[in-house]
Amino acid sequence: MMAEITIQQAQNTVDQWIKTYGVRYFNELTNMTILTEEVGELARIMARTYGEQSFKESDTNRDLADEMADVLWVLFCLANQTGVDLTAAFEKNLQKKTTRDIERHKNNEKL
């Protein structure tokens, strides 16, 4: 098992893997399509595991964690290709949510 890694280290690891084994990145539009496909595969497992759909024969070897990792992988590819620092983006997004939603969820009667 790998030691814990930061988001930046994960982005760098994906970049090195692509340059070593993957030859090159697929273009951004292709990777966006692949991301959509991977999210669909994750959704399929979620619908069957936690939703009302039943598993099919083709679903038997699917792994929830692996599908989540596939989504992360392609997201890291897209971030690398477009110059996005996901650590900085996540920190900024968390601050935005904290400022915006400081009382929102506490005051939501549905929660």
Protein backbone atom coordinates (compact mmCIF):
# COMPACT_ATOMS: atom_id res chain seq x y z
CA MET A 1 0.00 0.00 0.00
CA MET A 2 1.25 3.47 -0.87
CA ALA A 3 1.86 6.03 1.84
CA GLU A 4 -0.63 8.86 2.02
CA ILE A 5 -0.13 11.36 -0.75
CA THR A 6 -1.28 14.90 -1.29
CA ILE A 7 -3.49 15.98 -4.16
CA GLN A 8 -0.45 17.67 -5.74
CA GLN A 9 1.59 14.47 -5.43
CA ALA A 10 -1.26 12.54 -7.06
CA GLN A 11 -1.37 15.03 -9.94
CA ASN A 12 2.40 14.69 -10.35
CA THR A 13 2.22 10.88 -10.19
CA VAL A 14 -0.41 10.77 -12.92
CA ASP A 15 1.66 13.16 -15.05
CA GLN A 16 4.78 11.01 -14.67
CA TRP A 17 2.80 7.84 -15.42
CA ILE A 18 1.34 9.36 -18.59
CA LYS A 19 4.78 10.50 -19.75
CA THR A 20 6.35 7.11 -18.93
CA TYR A 21 3.70 4.58 -19.92
CA GLY A 22 0.89 6.44 -21.63
CA VAL A 23 2.98 8.09 -24.38
CA ARG A 24 0.90 11.28 -24.18
CA TYR A 25 -2.34 12.65 -22.79
CA PHE A 26 -5.50 12.16 -24.78
CA ASN A 27 -6.78 15.58 -25.76
CA GLU A 28 -8.93 17.47 -23.29
CA LEU A 29 -12.23 16.73 -25.03
CA THR A 30 -11.44 13.01 -25.20
CA ASN A 31 -10.53 13.02 -21.50
CA MET A 32 -13.74 14.90 -20.66
CA THR A 33 -15.67 12.17 -22.44
CA ILE A 34 -13.69 9.47 -20.62
CA LEU A 35 -14.45 11.23 -17.31
CA THR A 36 -18.14 11.13 -18.14
CA GLU A 37 -17.84 7.42 -18.95
CA GLU A 38 -16.05 6.73 -15.66
CA VAL A 39 -18.68 8.65 -13.68
CA GLY A 40 -21.30 6.54 -15.45
CA GLU A 41 -19.55 3.34 -14.37
CA LEU A 42 -19.45 4.63 -10.80
CA ALA A 43 -23.14 5.54 -11.01
CA ARG A 44 -23.97 2.05 -12.23
CA ILE A 45 -22.39 0.46 -9.15
CA MET A 46 -24.02 3.00 -6.84
CA ALA A 47 -27.45 2.38 -8.38
CA ARG A 48 -27.08 -1.36 -7.92
CA THR A 49 -25.47 -1.30 -4.48
CA TYR A 50 -27.47 1.49 -2.84
CA GLY A 51 -30.36 2.02 -5.22
CA GLU A 52 -33.17 -0.15 -6.47
CA GLN A 53 -31.52 -1.72 -9.50
CA SER A 54 -30.34 -5.32 -9.36
CA PHE A 55 -26.88 -6.46 -10.37
CA LYS A 56 -26.36 -7.99 -13.79
CA GLU A 57 -23.79 -10.63 -14.70
CA SER A 58 -21.58 -7.92 -16.22
CA ASP A 59 -21.53 -6.06 -12.88
CA THR A 60 -20.10 -8.88 -10.78
CA ASN A 61 -16.44 -7.89 -11.00
CA ARG A 62 -16.99 -4.15 -10.52
CA ASP A 63 -15.26 -2.49 -7.58
CA LEU A 64 -16.66 0.74 -6.11
CA ALA A 65 -13.27 1.99 -4.88
CA ASP A 66 -11.61 1.25 -8.23
CA GLU A 67 -14.33 3.14 -10.11
CA MET A 68 -13.90 6.14 -7.79
CA ALA A 69 -10.14 5.99 -8.41
CA ASP A 70 -10.77 5.92 -12.18
CA VAL A 71 -12.77 9.15 -11.84
CA LEU A 72 -9.93 10.74 -9.86
CA TRP A 73 -7.35 9.58 -12.40
CA VAL A 74 -9.07 11.25 -15.33
CA LEU A 75 -9.79 14.36 -13.27
CA PHE A 76 -6.08 14.59 -12.46
CA CYS A 77 -5.33 14.25 -16.19
CA LEU A 78 -7.70 17.10 -17.03
CA ALA A 79 -6.26 19.27 -14.26
CA ASN A 80 -2.73 18.64 -15.51
CA GLN A 81 -3.69 19.41 -19.09
CA THR A 82 -5.48 22.65 -18.25
CA GLY A 83 -2.98 23.95 -15.68
CA VAL A 84 -5.32 23.59 -12.69
CA ASP A 85 -3.72 23.12 -9.28
CA LEU A 86 -6.37 20.96 -7.65
CA THR A 87 -4.99 21.60 -4.15
CA ALA A 88 -5.45 25.36 -4.54
CA ALA A 89 -8.79 24.86 -6.29
CA PHE A 90 -10.07 22.61 -3.50
CA GLU A 91 -8.93 25.00 -0.77
CA LYS A 92 -10.62 27.93 -2.55
CA ASN A 93 -13.79 25.89 -3.09
CA LEU A 94 -13.88 24.81 0.56
CA GLN A 95 -13.54 28.43 1.68
CA LYS A 96 -16.34 29.47 -0.70
CA LYS A 97 -18.65 26.77 0.66
CA THR A 98 -17.76 27.57 4.27
CA THR A 99 -18.47 31.28 3.80
CA ARG A 100 -21.64 30.74 1.78
CA ASP A 101 -23.09 27.85 3.77
CA ILE A 102 -21.99 28.67 7.33
CA GLU A 103 -25.62 28.54 8.55
CA ARG A 104 -27.43 27.21 5.47
CA HIS A 105 -27.42 23.52 6.33
CA LYS A 106 -27.96 24.05 10.06
CA ASN A 107 -31.10 26.01 9.23
CA ASN A 108 -32.43 23.54 6.66
CA GLU A 109 -35.51 21.92 8.18
CA LYS A 110 -35.17 18.98 5.77
CA LEU A 111 -31.86 18.02 7.33
